[in-house]
Protein backbone atom coordinates (compact mmCIF):
# COMPACT_ATOMS: atom_id res chain seq x y z
CA MET A 1 -30.23 -67.04 39.34
CA ILE A 2 -30.62 -70.37 41.12
CA LYS A 3 -28.21 -72.86 39.58
CA ASP A 4 -28.46 -75.96 41.75
CA ALA A 5 -29.79 -77.57 44.94
CA ASP A 6 -26.98 -76.18 47.07
CA THR A 7 -27.88 -72.67 45.98
CA VAL A 8 -31.53 -73.27 46.91
CA PHE A 9 -30.47 -74.35 50.37
CA TYR A 10 -28.09 -71.41 50.82
CA VAL A 11 -30.98 -69.06 50.02
CA LEU A 12 -33.26 -70.99 52.40
CA ILE A 13 -30.64 -70.83 55.16
CA GLY A 14 -30.35 -67.07 54.63
CA TYR A 15 -34.11 -66.58 54.91
CA MET A 16 -34.33 -68.74 58.00
CA ARG A 17 -31.54 -66.78 59.69
CA LEU A 18 -33.12 -63.49 58.64
CA LEU A 19 -36.49 -64.56 60.06
CA GLY A 20 -34.93 -65.68 63.33
CA ALA A 21 -35.79 -69.36 62.95
CA LYS A 22 -33.47 -70.26 65.83
CA TYR A 23 -35.92 -68.52 68.19
CA ALA A 24 -38.97 -70.46 67.01
CA GLU A 25 -40.56 -73.03 69.30
CA THR A 26 -40.53 -75.57 66.48
CA ILE A 27 -39.65 -75.68 62.81
CA GLU A 28 -41.39 -78.14 60.48
CA PHE A 29 -39.46 -79.09 57.39
CA ILE A 30 -41.88 -80.65 54.91
CA SER A 31 -40.52 -82.34 51.82
CA ASP A 32 -41.29 -84.96 49.20
CA GLY A 33 -38.64 -87.35 50.43
CA ALA A 34 -36.13 -86.86 47.63
CA GLU A 35 -32.66 -87.78 48.86
CA TRP A 36 -31.10 -84.58 47.50
CA ILE A 37 -33.33 -82.61 49.88
CA TRP A 38 -33.01 -84.70 53.03
CA TYR A 39 -29.22 -84.91 52.74
CA ARG A 40 -29.04 -81.12 53.05
CA VAL A 41 -31.39 -80.66 56.02
CA ASP A 42 -28.73 -81.19 58.70
CA ARG A 43 -26.55 -78.49 57.16
CA LEU A 44 -29.58 -76.19 56.98
CA ARG A 45 -30.37 -76.84 60.65
CA THR A 46 -26.78 -76.21 61.71
CA GLU A 47 -26.20 -73.09 59.62
CA ALA A 48 -29.58 -71.59 60.51
CA GLU A 49 -28.73 -72.26 64.19
CA ILE A 50 -31.84 -74.36 64.81
CA SER A 51 -31.71 -76.74 67.75
CA GLU A 52 -32.06 -80.38 66.71
CA SER A 53 -34.86 -80.82 69.26
CA LYS A 54 -36.89 -78.04 67.58
CA LEU A 55 -36.74 -79.46 64.06
CA ILE A 56 -39.58 -81.74 62.93
CA LEU A 57 -39.09 -83.56 59.63
CA VAL A 58 -42.29 -84.36 57.72
CA LEU A 59 -42.87 -86.36 54.56
CA ASP A 60 -45.66 -84.64 52.65
CA PHE A 61 -48.97 -86.49 52.41
CA TYR A 62 -48.98 -87.04 48.64
CA HIS A 63 -45.54 -88.63 48.61
CA ALA A 64 -46.22 -90.62 51.78
CA CYS A 65 -49.26 -92.11 50.02
CA GLU A 66 -47.19 -92.81 46.94
CA HIS A 67 -44.64 -94.76 49.01
CA MET A 68 -47.40 -96.64 50.82
CA ASN A 69 -48.90 -97.68 47.49
CA GLU A 70 -45.51 -98.95 46.32
CA GLY A 71 -45.35 -101.07 49.46
CA PHE A 72 -48.88 -102.35 49.00
CA ASP A 73 -48.04 -103.31 45.41
CA LEU A 74 -45.51 -105.77 46.84
CA CYS A 75 -48.24 -107.51 48.90
CA GLU A 76 -49.54 -109.96 46.30
CA ASN A 77 -52.15 -111.49 48.62
CA LEU A 78 -53.66 -108.17 49.67
CA SER A 79 -57.14 -107.66 48.18
CA LYS A 80 -58.36 -104.21 47.12
CA LYS A 81 -60.65 -104.16 50.16
CA GLU A 82 -57.81 -105.07 52.55
CA ARG A 83 -55.53 -102.56 50.86
CA SER A 84 -58.11 -99.83 51.29
CA LYS A 85 -58.56 -100.75 54.96
CA LYS A 86 -54.80 -100.73 55.61
CA TYR A 87 -54.49 -97.40 53.82
CA ARG A 88 -56.90 -95.82 56.29
CA GLU A 89 -55.40 -97.37 59.45
CA ASP A 90 -53.97 -94.81 61.86
CA ALA A 91 -55.16 -91.98 59.61
């Protein structure tokens, strides 16, 4: 039974060690940006013996868009057209 976030990460660390994650060229860790997740990633990397240079941290697209919208909401002078254009920049 999974009781808490630490347990989830211990299971994840076990799977990553079992799969030989330390031998991978790169590891992408994709998350929604919740602090409880990101605060545990360094421990996961260390305990799964993954080199810091091989770990790529990625904020998932849905949550990245959500955070962008929150930022755009603070721009009172930004029209819907300008907002839409900014949203698509560098996409």
